[in-house]
N, C-alpha and C. Protein backbone atom coordinates (compact mmCIF):
# COMPACT_ATOMS: atom_id res chain seq x y z
N MET A 1 -1.10 10.50 9.49
CA MET A 1 0.12 9.71 9.53
C MET A 1 -0.25 8.24 9.30
N LEU A 2 0.34 7.65 8.29
CA LEU A 2 0.05 6.25 7.97
C LEU A 2 0.83 5.27 8.84
N HIS A 3 2.03 5.66 9.26
CA HIS A 3 2.81 4.83 10.17
C HIS A 3 2.39 5.21 11.59
N LYS A 4 1.28 4.67 12.03
CA LYS A 4 0.64 5.10 13.29
C LYS A 4 1.50 4.85 14.52
N ASN A 5 2.26 3.78 14.52
CA ASN A 5 3.04 3.44 15.71
C ASN A 5 4.46 4.02 15.69
N LEU A 6 4.79 4.73 14.66
CA LEU A 6 6.15 5.24 14.52
C LEU A 6 6.25 6.65 15.09
N GLN A 7 7.13 6.82 16.03
CA GLN A 7 7.39 8.12 16.62
C GLN A 7 8.70 8.66 16.09
N LYS A 8 8.80 9.98 15.98
CA LYS A 8 10.02 10.58 15.46
C LYS A 8 11.24 10.16 16.28
N GLU A 9 11.08 10.08 17.59
CA GLU A 9 12.22 9.70 18.44
C GLU A 9 12.74 8.32 18.07
N GLN A 10 11.82 7.40 17.79
CA GLN A 10 12.21 6.05 17.37
C GLN A 10 12.91 6.10 16.02
N TRP A 11 12.33 6.86 15.09
CA TRP A 11 12.86 6.96 13.74
C TRP A 11 14.27 7.55 13.76
N PHE A 12 14.46 8.57 14.58
CA PHE A 12 15.75 9.25 14.65
C PHE A 12 16.84 8.36 15.25
N LYS A 13 16.45 7.33 15.99
CA LYS A 13 17.44 6.40 16.56
C LYS A 13 18.01 5.45 15.50
N LEU A 14 17.29 5.29 14.41
CA LEU A 14 17.78 4.40 13.34
C LEU A 14 18.94 5.06 12.61
N SER A 15 19.83 4.23 12.07
CA SER A 15 20.91 4.77 11.25
C SER A 15 20.33 5.27 9.93
N VAL A 16 21.11 6.05 9.23
CA VAL A 16 20.67 6.54 7.91
C VAL A 16 20.37 5.38 6.98
N CYS A 17 21.21 4.36 7.02
CA CYS A 17 20.98 3.18 6.16
C CYS A 17 19.67 2.49 6.52
N GLU A 18 19.38 2.38 7.81
CA GLU A 18 18.13 1.75 8.23
C GLU A 18 16.92 2.59 7.79
N GLN A 19 17.03 3.90 7.91
CA GLN A 19 15.95 4.77 7.47
C GLN A 19 15.72 4.63 5.97
N MET A 20 16.80 4.68 5.20
CA MET A 20 16.68 4.58 3.75
C MET A 20 16.17 3.20 3.33
N ALA A 21 16.56 2.17 4.04
CA ALA A 21 16.06 0.82 3.74
C ALA A 21 14.55 0.75 3.96
N ASN A 22 14.07 1.40 5.01
CA ASN A 22 12.63 1.42 5.28
C ASN A 22 11.88 2.23 4.23
N ILE A 23 12.45 3.35 3.82
CA ILE A 23 11.85 4.12 2.73
C ILE A 23 11.79 3.23 1.49
N GLY A 24 12.90 2.55 1.22
CA GLY A 24 12.99 1.67 0.06
C GLY A 24 11.95 0.57 0.06
N SER A 25 11.64 0.04 1.22
CA SER A 25 10.64 -1.03 1.26
C SER A 25 9.28 -0.51 0.78
N GLU A 26 8.97 0.74 1.13
CA GLU A 26 7.71 1.32 0.66
C GLU A 26 7.77 1.67 -0.83
N VAL A 27 8.91 2.17 -1.27
CA VAL A 27 9.08 2.48 -2.70
C VAL A 27 8.94 1.21 -3.53
N ILE A 28 9.58 0.14 -3.08
CA ILE A 28 9.51 -1.12 -3.82
C ILE A 28 8.08 -1.67 -3.81
N ARG A 29 7.37 -1.53 -2.69
CA ARG A 29 5.96 -1.93 -2.66
C ARG A 29 5.16 -1.13 -3.68
N ALA A 30 5.40 0.18 -3.72
CA ALA A 30 4.67 1.02 -4.67
C ALA A 30 4.94 0.58 -6.11
N ILE A 31 6.19 0.28 -6.41
CA ILE A 31 6.55 -0.19 -7.75
C ILE A 31 5.83 -1.49 -8.08
N LYS A 32 5.85 -2.42 -7.14
CA LYS A 32 5.22 -3.73 -7.39
C LYS A 32 3.72 -3.61 -7.55
N TRP A 33 3.07 -2.78 -6.71
CA TRP A 33 1.62 -2.62 -6.84
C TRP A 33 1.26 -1.90 -8.14
N LYS A 34 2.09 -0.95 -8.52
CA LYS A 34 1.84 -0.24 -9.79
C LYS A 34 1.94 -1.21 -10.97
N ALA A 35 2.94 -2.11 -10.91
CA ALA A 35 3.10 -3.11 -11.97
C ALA A 35 1.91 -4.05 -12.05
N LYS A 36 1.29 -4.30 -10.90
CA LYS A 36 0.09 -5.16 -10.86
C LYS A 36 -1.18 -4.37 -11.17
N ARG A 37 -1.01 -3.09 -11.48
CA ARG A 37 -2.11 -2.18 -11.81
C ARG A 37 -3.09 -1.98 -10.66
N ASN A 38 -2.57 -2.09 -9.44
CA ASN A 38 -3.38 -1.80 -8.27
C ASN A 38 -2.98 -0.40 -7.80
N ASN A 39 -3.59 0.60 -8.40
CA ASN A 39 -3.22 1.99 -8.15
C ASN A 39 -3.51 2.44 -6.72
N ASP A 40 -4.55 1.88 -6.11
CA ASP A 40 -4.87 2.27 -4.73
C ASP A 40 -3.75 1.86 -3.78
N TYR A 41 -3.31 0.61 -3.87
CA TYR A 41 -2.23 0.13 -3.00
C TYR A 41 -0.91 0.81 -3.34
N ALA A 42 -0.67 1.05 -4.63
CA ALA A 42 0.55 1.74 -5.05
C ALA A 42 0.58 3.15 -4.45
N TYR A 43 -0.56 3.83 -4.51
CA TYR A 43 -0.65 5.18 -3.96
C TYR A 43 -0.40 5.18 -2.45
N LEU A 44 -0.98 4.20 -1.74
CA LEU A 44 -0.77 4.12 -0.29
C LEU A 44 0.70 3.86 0.05
N ALA A 45 1.33 2.96 -0.67
CA ALA A 45 2.75 2.68 -0.44
C ALA A 45 3.58 3.92 -0.73
N ASN A 46 3.25 4.63 -1.79
CA ASN A 46 3.96 5.85 -2.12
C ASN A 46 3.77 6.90 -1.01
N THR A 47 2.58 7.01 -0.49
CA THR A 47 2.31 7.97 0.58
C THR A 47 3.12 7.63 1.82
N ARG A 48 3.23 6.35 2.14
CA ARG A 48 4.05 5.93 3.28
C ARG A 48 5.52 6.24 3.03
N ALA A 49 5.98 6.02 1.79
CA ALA A 49 7.37 6.33 1.46
C ALA A 49 7.64 7.82 1.63
N LEU A 50 6.73 8.65 1.17
CA LEU A 50 6.90 10.10 1.31
C LEU A 50 6.89 10.53 2.77
N GLU A 51 6.06 9.89 3.55
CA GLU A 51 6.03 10.17 4.99
C GLU A 51 7.40 9.88 5.62
N LEU A 52 8.00 8.77 5.23
CA LEU A 52 9.31 8.41 5.76
C LEU A 52 10.42 9.32 5.21
N PHE A 53 10.33 9.68 3.94
CA PHE A 53 11.27 10.65 3.37
C PHE A 53 11.23 11.93 4.21
N ASP A 54 10.02 12.43 4.47
CA ASP A 54 9.87 13.69 5.18
C ASP A 54 10.36 13.59 6.63
N MET A 55 10.08 12.47 7.28
CA MET A 55 10.55 12.30 8.64
C MET A 55 12.09 12.24 8.68
N THR A 56 12.68 11.61 7.68
CA THR A 56 14.14 11.54 7.60
C THR A 56 14.73 12.93 7.37
N LEU A 57 14.07 13.72 6.57
CA LEU A 57 14.54 15.10 6.35
C LEU A 57 14.53 15.92 7.63
N GLU A 58 13.68 15.56 8.57
CA GLU A 58 13.62 16.26 9.85
C GLU A 58 14.67 15.77 10.85
N ASP A 59 15.32 14.65 10.54
CA ASP A 59 16.30 14.06 11.45
C ASP A 59 17.54 14.94 11.51
N PRO A 60 17.92 15.41 12.71
CA PRO A 60 19.08 16.31 12.84
C PRO A 60 20.40 15.69 12.37
N LYS A 61 20.54 14.39 12.49
CA LYS A 61 21.82 13.76 12.10
C LYS A 61 22.03 13.73 10.59
N TYR A 62 20.96 13.99 9.83
CA TYR A 62 21.04 13.88 8.38
C TYR A 62 21.31 15.23 7.71
N ALA A 63 21.66 16.23 8.48
CA ALA A 63 21.83 17.58 7.94
C ALA A 63 22.82 17.62 6.76
N SER A 64 23.89 16.85 6.83
CA SER A 64 24.88 16.90 5.75
C SER A 64 24.44 16.15 4.50
N GLY A 65 23.45 15.28 4.61
CA GLY A 65 23.01 14.50 3.46
C GLY A 65 21.66 14.91 2.91
N VAL A 66 21.20 16.07 3.33
CA VAL A 66 19.87 16.52 2.93
C VAL A 66 19.76 16.66 1.41
N LYS A 67 20.82 17.10 0.78
CA LYS A 67 20.77 17.31 -0.67
C LYS A 67 20.48 16.00 -1.41
N GLU A 68 21.17 14.93 -1.04
CA GLU A 68 20.93 13.65 -1.70
C GLU A 68 19.52 13.16 -1.42
N LEU A 69 19.08 13.29 -0.18
CA LEU A 69 17.74 12.83 0.17
C LEU A 69 16.66 13.62 -0.54
N THR A 70 16.80 14.93 -0.59
CA THR A 70 15.78 15.73 -1.28
C THR A 70 15.80 15.44 -2.78
N ARG A 71 16.97 15.18 -3.33
CA ARG A 71 17.06 14.84 -4.75
C ARG A 71 16.41 13.48 -5.01
N ALA A 72 16.66 12.51 -4.14
CA ALA A 72 16.03 11.19 -4.30
C ALA A 72 14.51 11.32 -4.22
N ARG A 73 14.04 12.13 -3.28
CA ARG A 73 12.59 12.35 -3.15
C ARG A 73 12.03 13.00 -4.41
N GLU A 74 12.74 13.99 -4.92
CA GLU A 74 12.31 14.67 -6.15
C GLU A 74 12.26 13.70 -7.33
N PHE A 75 13.32 12.90 -7.49
CA PHE A 75 13.36 11.93 -8.58
C PHE A 75 12.23 10.91 -8.45
N TRP A 76 12.00 10.46 -7.20
CA TRP A 76 10.94 9.48 -6.97
C TRP A 76 9.58 10.04 -7.35
N LEU A 77 9.30 11.27 -6.92
CA LEU A 77 8.01 11.88 -7.26
C LEU A 77 7.86 12.04 -8.77
N ASP A 78 8.93 12.43 -9.46
CA ASP A 78 8.86 12.55 -10.91
C ASP A 78 8.62 11.19 -11.55
N TYR A 79 9.25 10.16 -11.00
CA TYR A 79 9.08 8.82 -11.55
C TYR A 79 7.66 8.30 -11.31
N PHE A 80 7.16 8.48 -10.09
CA PHE A 80 5.88 7.90 -9.71
C PHE A 80 4.70 8.70 -10.27
N PHE A 81 4.76 10.02 -10.19
CA PHE A 81 3.64 10.86 -10.60
C PHE A 81 3.89 11.68 -11.86
N GLY A 82 5.15 11.97 -12.14
CA GLY A 82 5.47 12.91 -13.20
C GLY A 82 5.69 12.27 -14.55
N ASN A 83 6.52 12.95 -15.34
CA ASN A 83 6.81 12.50 -16.70
C ASN A 83 8.07 11.65 -16.79
N ASN A 84 8.67 11.33 -15.65
CA ASN A 84 9.92 10.56 -15.60
C ASN A 84 10.99 11.23 -16.46
N GLN A 85 11.15 12.52 -16.23
CA GLN A 85 12.13 13.28 -17.01
C GLN A 85 13.57 12.84 -16.77
N TYR A 86 13.81 12.11 -15.68
CA TYR A 86 15.16 11.63 -15.39
C TYR A 86 15.39 10.22 -15.91
N HIS A 87 14.38 9.66 -16.57
CA HIS A 87 14.46 8.35 -17.24
C HIS A 87 14.86 7.23 -16.28
N GLN A 88 14.21 7.20 -15.13
CA GLN A 88 14.45 6.15 -14.14
C GLN A 88 13.67 4.89 -14.52
N THR A 89 14.12 3.77 -14.00
CA THR A 89 13.42 2.50 -14.22
C THR A 89 13.12 1.84 -12.88
N ASP A 90 12.21 0.89 -12.90
CA ASP A 90 11.91 0.12 -11.68
C ASP A 90 13.19 -0.49 -11.12
N ASP A 91 13.95 -1.12 -11.99
CA ASP A 91 15.17 -1.81 -11.54
C ASP A 91 16.17 -0.85 -10.91
N GLU A 92 16.30 0.35 -11.43
CA GLU A 92 17.22 1.32 -10.84
C GLU A 92 16.79 1.71 -9.44
N TRP A 93 15.50 1.91 -9.26
CA TRP A 93 14.99 2.25 -7.92
C TRP A 93 15.21 1.09 -6.96
N ILE A 94 14.93 -0.09 -7.40
CA ILE A 94 15.09 -1.26 -6.53
C ILE A 94 16.56 -1.43 -6.15
N ARG A 95 17.46 -1.33 -7.10
CA ARG A 95 18.90 -1.45 -6.80
C ARG A 95 19.37 -0.36 -5.85
N TYR A 96 18.91 0.87 -6.08
CA TYR A 96 19.31 2.00 -5.23
C TYR A 96 18.95 1.72 -3.77
N PHE A 97 17.72 1.31 -3.53
CA PHE A 97 17.30 1.11 -2.16
C PHE A 97 17.79 -0.20 -1.56
N LEU A 98 17.97 -1.24 -2.37
CA LEU A 98 18.49 -2.49 -1.83
C LEU A 98 19.92 -2.32 -1.31
N ALA A 99 20.67 -1.40 -1.88
CA ALA A 99 22.01 -1.13 -1.37
C ALA A 99 21.95 -0.69 0.10
N PHE A 100 20.97 0.14 0.42
CA PHE A 100 20.79 0.57 1.82
C PHE A 100 20.33 -0.59 2.69
N THR A 101 19.49 -1.45 2.14
CA THR A 101 19.02 -2.60 2.90
C THR A 101 20.18 -3.52 3.26
N TYR A 102 21.04 -3.80 2.29
CA TYR A 102 22.20 -4.65 2.55
C TYR A 102 23.15 -4.00 3.55
N ALA A 103 23.38 -2.70 3.41
CA ALA A 103 24.28 -1.99 4.32
C ALA A 103 23.70 -2.00 5.74
N ALA A 104 22.41 -1.75 5.86
CA ALA A 104 21.77 -1.75 7.18
C ALA A 104 21.84 -3.13 7.81
N ARG A 105 21.55 -4.14 7.03
CA ARG A 105 21.59 -5.52 7.54
C ARG A 105 23.00 -5.88 7.98
N ASN A 106 23.99 -5.50 7.20
CA ASN A 106 25.39 -5.76 7.53
C ASN A 106 25.77 -5.04 8.83
N ASN A 107 25.34 -3.82 8.99
CA ASN A 107 25.62 -3.04 10.19
C ASN A 107 24.97 -3.67 11.42
N ILE A 108 23.73 -4.12 11.29
CA ILE A 108 23.03 -4.74 12.41
C ILE A 108 23.73 -6.03 12.81
N THR A 109 24.15 -6.80 11.81
CA THR A 109 24.86 -8.06 12.08
C THR A 109 26.16 -7.78 12.83
N LYS A 110 26.88 -6.75 12.41
CA LYS A 110 28.14 -6.41 13.10
C LYS A 110 27.87 -5.99 14.54
N ARG A 111 26.82 -5.19 14.77
CA ARG A 111 26.48 -4.76 16.14
C ARG A 111 26.11 -5.95 16.99
N GLN A 112 25.37 -6.91 16.43
CA GLN A 112 24.98 -8.09 17.18
C GLN A 112 26.21 -8.91 17.57
N LYS A 113 27.18 -9.03 16.66
CA LYS A 113 28.39 -9.79 16.97
C LYS A 113 29.17 -9.11 18.08
N ILE A 114 29.21 -7.81 18.09
CA ILE A 114 29.92 -7.07 19.14
C ILE A 114 29.23 -7.29 20.48
N LEU A 115 27.90 -7.26 20.49
CA LEU A 115 27.15 -7.44 21.74
C LEU A 115 27.29 -8.85 22.28
N ILE A 116 27.43 -9.83 21.40
CA ILE A 116 27.55 -11.23 21.83
C ILE A 116 28.89 -11.48 22.50
N LYS A 117 29.92 -10.81 22.04
CA LYS A 117 31.28 -11.06 22.58
C LYS A 117 31.41 -10.67 24.01
């Protein structure tokens, strides 16, 4: 396990958007390291992303969205290791995951405002 301090119980407490945003941070790291031709770091970031994908697939609250998550994982693996048969681009991956980052950040901000009141 590359995320040594991360426990499933902690991960499962995060919202789906927060989980996907964290996966996205590793995917984006992998893309950036690959662009810099640092295959070792790109591979490590990819491995961390896959670890988070798999942990999210184990999350009971995500049962209804498993199809999208497994498809995203499949597309990512094809893009990173395969022949890119789905014709994905770096920018498409970054936009896909940044949407979750913005949604998660917006949700956290709303929760903080509620707690402050």
